[in-house]
C-alpha atoms as a PDB file:
ATOM      1  CA  MET A   1     -61.643   6.448  66.928  1.00  0.00           C
ATOM      2  CA  LYS A   2     -64.871   6.263  64.976  1.00  0.00           C
ATOM      3  CA  VAL A   3     -65.222   7.107  61.286  1.00  0.00           C
ATOM      4  CA  SER A   4     -67.972   6.951  58.796  1.00  0.00           C
ATOM      5  CA  ILE A   5     -67.968   3.522  57.102  1.00  0.00           C
ATOM      6  CA  ASP A   6     -68.419   5.388  53.775  1.00  0.00           C
ATOM      7  CA  HIS A   7     -64.777   6.566  54.282  1.00  0.00           C
ATOM      8  CA  ILE A   8     -63.402   3.003  54.421  1.00  0.00           C
ATOM      9  CA  LYS A   9     -62.304   1.599  51.105  1.00  0.00           C
ATOM     10  CA  PRO A  10     -61.473  -2.145  50.538  1.00  0.00           C
ATOM     11  CA  ASN A  11     -57.986  -3.561  50.896  1.00  0.00           C
ATOM     12  CA  PRO A  12     -56.682  -3.449  47.272  1.00  0.00           C
ATOM     13  CA  TYR A  13     -54.766  -6.742  47.957  1.00  0.00           C
ATOM     14  CA  ASP A  14     -57.723  -8.733  49.169  1.00  0.00           C
ATOM     15  CA  THR A  15     -58.706 -11.690  46.960  1.00  0.00           C
ATOM     16  CA  ARG A  16     -62.017 -12.383  48.736  1.00  0.00           C
ATOM     17  CA  GLU A  17     -64.992 -12.117  46.375  1.00  0.00           C
ATOM     18  CA  ASP A  18     -67.410 -14.205  48.348  1.00  0.00           C
ATOM     19  CA  LEU A  19     -67.670 -13.283  51.999  1.00  0.00           C
ATOM     20  CA  GLY A  20     -69.451 -16.484  52.800  1.00  0.00           C
ATOM     21  CA  ASP A  21     -72.293 -16.844  55.317  1.00  0.00           C
ATOM     22  CA  LEU A  22     -72.449 -13.666  57.495  1.00  0.00           C
ATOM     23  CA  GLU A  23     -75.527 -14.607  59.600  1.00  0.00           C
ATOM     24  CA  GLY A  24     -73.511 -15.736  62.618  1.00  0.00           C
ATOM     25  CA  LEU A  25     -71.398 -12.567  62.583  1.00  0.00           C
ATOM     26  CA  LYS A  26     -74.509 -10.432  62.135  1.00  0.00           C
ATOM     27  CA  ALA A  27     -76.172 -12.063  65.148  1.00  0.00           C
ATOM     28  CA  SER A  28     -72.976 -11.464  67.171  1.00  0.00           C
ATOM     29  CA  ILE A  29     -72.722  -7.748  66.217  1.00  0.00           C
ATOM     30  CA  ARG A  30     -76.403  -7.232  66.793  1.00  0.00           C
ATOM     31  CA  LYS A  31     -76.099  -8.630  70.281  1.00  0.00           C
ATOM     32  CA  SER A  32     -72.728  -7.248  71.371  1.00  0.00           C
ATOM     33  CA  GLY A  33     -71.776  -4.576  68.841  1.00  0.00           C
ATOM     34  CA  LEU A  34     -68.350  -4.478  67.193  1.00  0.00           C
ATOM     35  CA  LEU A  35     -65.977  -5.993  69.671  1.00  0.00           C
ATOM     36  CA  GLN A  36     -62.729  -5.319  67.710  1.00  0.00           C
ATOM     37  CA  PRO A  37     -61.914  -2.202  65.724  1.00  0.00           C
ATOM     38  CA  LEU A  38     -61.304  -2.485  62.028  1.00  0.00           C
ATOM     39  CA  ILE A  39     -57.590  -2.171  61.120  1.00  0.00           C
ATOM     40  CA  VAL A  40     -57.161   0.469  58.519  1.00  0.00           C
ATOM     41  CA  ARG A  41     -54.454   2.651  57.006  1.00  0.00           C
ATOM     42  CA  PRO A  42     -54.908   6.301  56.170  1.00  0.00           C
ATOM     43  CA  VAL A  43     -55.089   7.337  52.550  1.00  0.00           C
ATOM     44  CA  GLU A  44     -53.150  10.494  51.512  1.00  0.00           C
ATOM     45  CA  ASP A  45     -56.274  12.694  51.352  1.00  0.00           C
ATOM     46  CA  GLY A  46     -56.514  12.422  55.174  1.00  0.00           C
ATOM     47  CA  LYS A  47     -60.255  11.725  54.866  1.00  0.00           C
ATOM     48  CA  THR A  48     -60.397   8.109  53.810  1.00  0.00           C
ATOM     49  CA  TYR A  49     -58.922   4.822  54.876  1.00  0.00           C
ATOM     50  CA  GLU A  50     -58.060   1.461  53.244  1.00  0.00           C
ATOM     51  CA  LEU A  51     -59.220  -1.545  55.136  1.00  0.00           C
ATOM     52  CA  ALA A  52     -56.335  -3.714  56.168  1.00  0.00           C
ATOM     53  CA  PHE A  53     -58.168  -6.378  58.187  1.00  0.00           C
ATOM     54  CA  GLY A  54     -61.951  -6.856  58.949  1.00  0.00           C
ATOM     55  CA  GLY A  55     -63.695  -7.147  55.576  1.00  0.00           C
ATOM     56  CA  ARG A  56     -66.500  -9.413  56.788  1.00  0.00           C
ATOM     57  CA  ARG A  57     -67.112  -7.121  59.833  1.00  0.00           C
ATOM     58  CA  LEU A  58     -67.259  -4.087  57.631  1.00  0.00           C
ATOM     59  CA  GLN A  59     -69.736  -5.710  55.268  1.00  0.00           C
ATOM     60  CA  VAL A  60     -71.976  -6.838  58.247  1.00  0.00           C
ATOM     61  CA  LEU A  61     -71.922  -3.236  59.583  1.00  0.00           C
ATOM     62  CA  ARG A  62     -73.042  -1.928  56.229  1.00  0.00           C
ATOM     63  CA  GLU A  63     -75.846  -4.527  56.009  1.00  0.00           C
ATOM     64  CA  LEU A  64     -76.993  -3.748  59.520  1.00  0.00           C
ATOM     65  CA  GLY A  65     -77.198  -0.012  58.684  1.00  0.00           C
ATOM     66  CA  TYR A  66     -74.299   1.189  60.882  1.00  0.00           C
ATOM     67  CA  LYS A  67     -73.029   4.615  59.798  1.00  0.00           C
ATOM     68  CA  GLU A  68     -69.770   4.585  61.733  1.00  0.00           C
ATOM     69  CA  ALA A  69     -67.209   2.003  62.728  1.00  0.00           C
ATOM     70  CA  GLU A  70     -64.479   1.963  65.385  1.00  0.00           C
ATOM     71  CA  ILE A  71     -61.049   1.822  63.644  1.00  0.00           C
ATOM     72  CA  ASP A  72     -57.422   1.280  64.572  1.00  0.00           C
ATOM     73  CA  SER A  73     -55.435   3.330  62.087  1.00  0.00           C
ATOM     74  CA  ARG A  74     -51.923   2.260  61.377  1.00  0.00           C
ATOM     75  CA  GLU A  75     -49.181   3.297  58.879  1.00  0.00           C
ATOM     76  CA  THR A  76     -48.931   0.174  56.841  1.00  0.00           C
ATOM     77  CA  THR A  77     -46.856  -0.570  53.741  1.00  0.00           C
ATOM     78  CA  ASP A  78     -48.249  -2.211  50.559  1.00  0.00           C
ATOM     79  CA  SER A  79     -46.418  -5.369  51.474  1.00  0.00           C
ATOM     80  CA  ASP A  80     -48.025  -5.443  54.913  1.00  0.00           C
ATOM     81  CA  MET A  81     -51.477  -4.841  53.395  1.00  0.00           C
ATOM     82  CA  ALA A  82     -50.911  -7.909  51.184  1.00  0.00           C
ATOM     83  CA  ILE A  83     -49.803  -9.981  54.135  1.00  0.00           C
ATOM     84  CA  LEU A  84     -52.803  -8.884  56.214  1.00  0.00           C
ATOM     85  CA  ALA A  85     -55.133  -9.870  53.370  1.00  0.00           C
ATOM     86  CA  LEU A  86     -53.424 -13.268  53.152  1.00  0.00           C
ATOM     87  CA  CYS A  87     -53.740 -13.690  56.885  1.00  0.00           C
ATOM     88  CA  GLU A  88     -57.424 -12.810  56.849  1.00  0.00           C
ATOM     89  CA  ASN A  89     -58.030 -15.317  54.054  1.00  0.00           C
ATOM     90  CA  VAL A  90     -55.686 -18.232  54.958  1.00  0.00           C
ATOM     91  CA  HIS A  91     -58.172 -19.858  57.351  1.00  0.00           C
ATOM     92  CA  ARG A  92     -60.888 -19.929  54.659  1.00  0.00           C
ATOM     93  CA  LYS A  93     -61.563 -23.295  53.220  1.00  0.00           C
ATOM     94  CA  ASP A  94     -63.723 -21.991  50.391  1.00  0.00           C
ATOM     95  CA  LEU A  95     -61.282 -20.004  48.234  1.00  0.00           C
ATOM     96  CA  ASN A  96     -61.863 -20.608  44.618  1.00  0.00           C
ATOM     97  CA  PRO A  97     -58.899 -21.388  42.312  1.00  0.00           C
ATOM     98  CA  VAL A  98     -58.669 -17.780  41.087  1.00  0.00           C
ATOM     99  CA  GLU A  99     -58.552 -16.419  44.561  1.00  0.00           C
ATOM    100  CA  GLN A 100     -56.016 -19.033  45.590  1.00  0.00           C
ATOM    101  CA  ALA A 101     -53.668 -18.072  42.575  1.00  0.00           C
ATOM    102  CA  TRP A 102     -54.111 -14.384  43.267  1.00  0.00           C
ATOM    103  CA  THR A 103     -53.259 -14.932  47.078  1.00  0.00           C
ATOM    104  CA  HIS A 104     -50.185 -16.922  46.238  1.00  0.00           C
ATOM    105  CA  GLY A 105     -48.991 -14.288  43.737  1.00  0.00           C
ATOM    106  CA  LYS A 106     -49.340 -11.560  46.365  1.00  0.00           C
ATOM    107  CA  ARG A 107     -47.061 -13.434  48.843  1.00  0.00           C
ATOM    108  CA  ASP A 108     -44.179 -12.310  46.578  1.00  0.00           C
ATOM    109  CA  LEU A 109     -44.826  -8.668  47.705  1.00  0.00           C
ATOM    110  CA  SER A 110     -43.649  -9.654  51.231  1.00  0.00           C
ATOM    111  CA  ASN A 111     -40.132 -10.174  49.809  1.00  0.00           C
ATOM    112  CA  SER A 112     -39.918  -6.587  48.484  1.00  0.00           C
END
């Protein structure tokens, strides 16, 4: 399903402040389009979504002027949202100390 990217809000548990170099991803999306849908969860108003996974892809779509994005909407708990944010960031080598501390603190949500 496609939705307006203006209706996709950031993951409230994502620690990422610096998205890093997006040029390679931009080139890929320019050439092939979005190959994987963004993983989102619906917000209670029924019109907006919170991004669970795909922050860099969403930013690139915005920068390239896309108006819509393909999404995979899932019912997701707050704990799952925190885990997905952690999974998205765990492979990053450039987390700053504040992002690292915030990420480690959010791991505790998975025990609730």
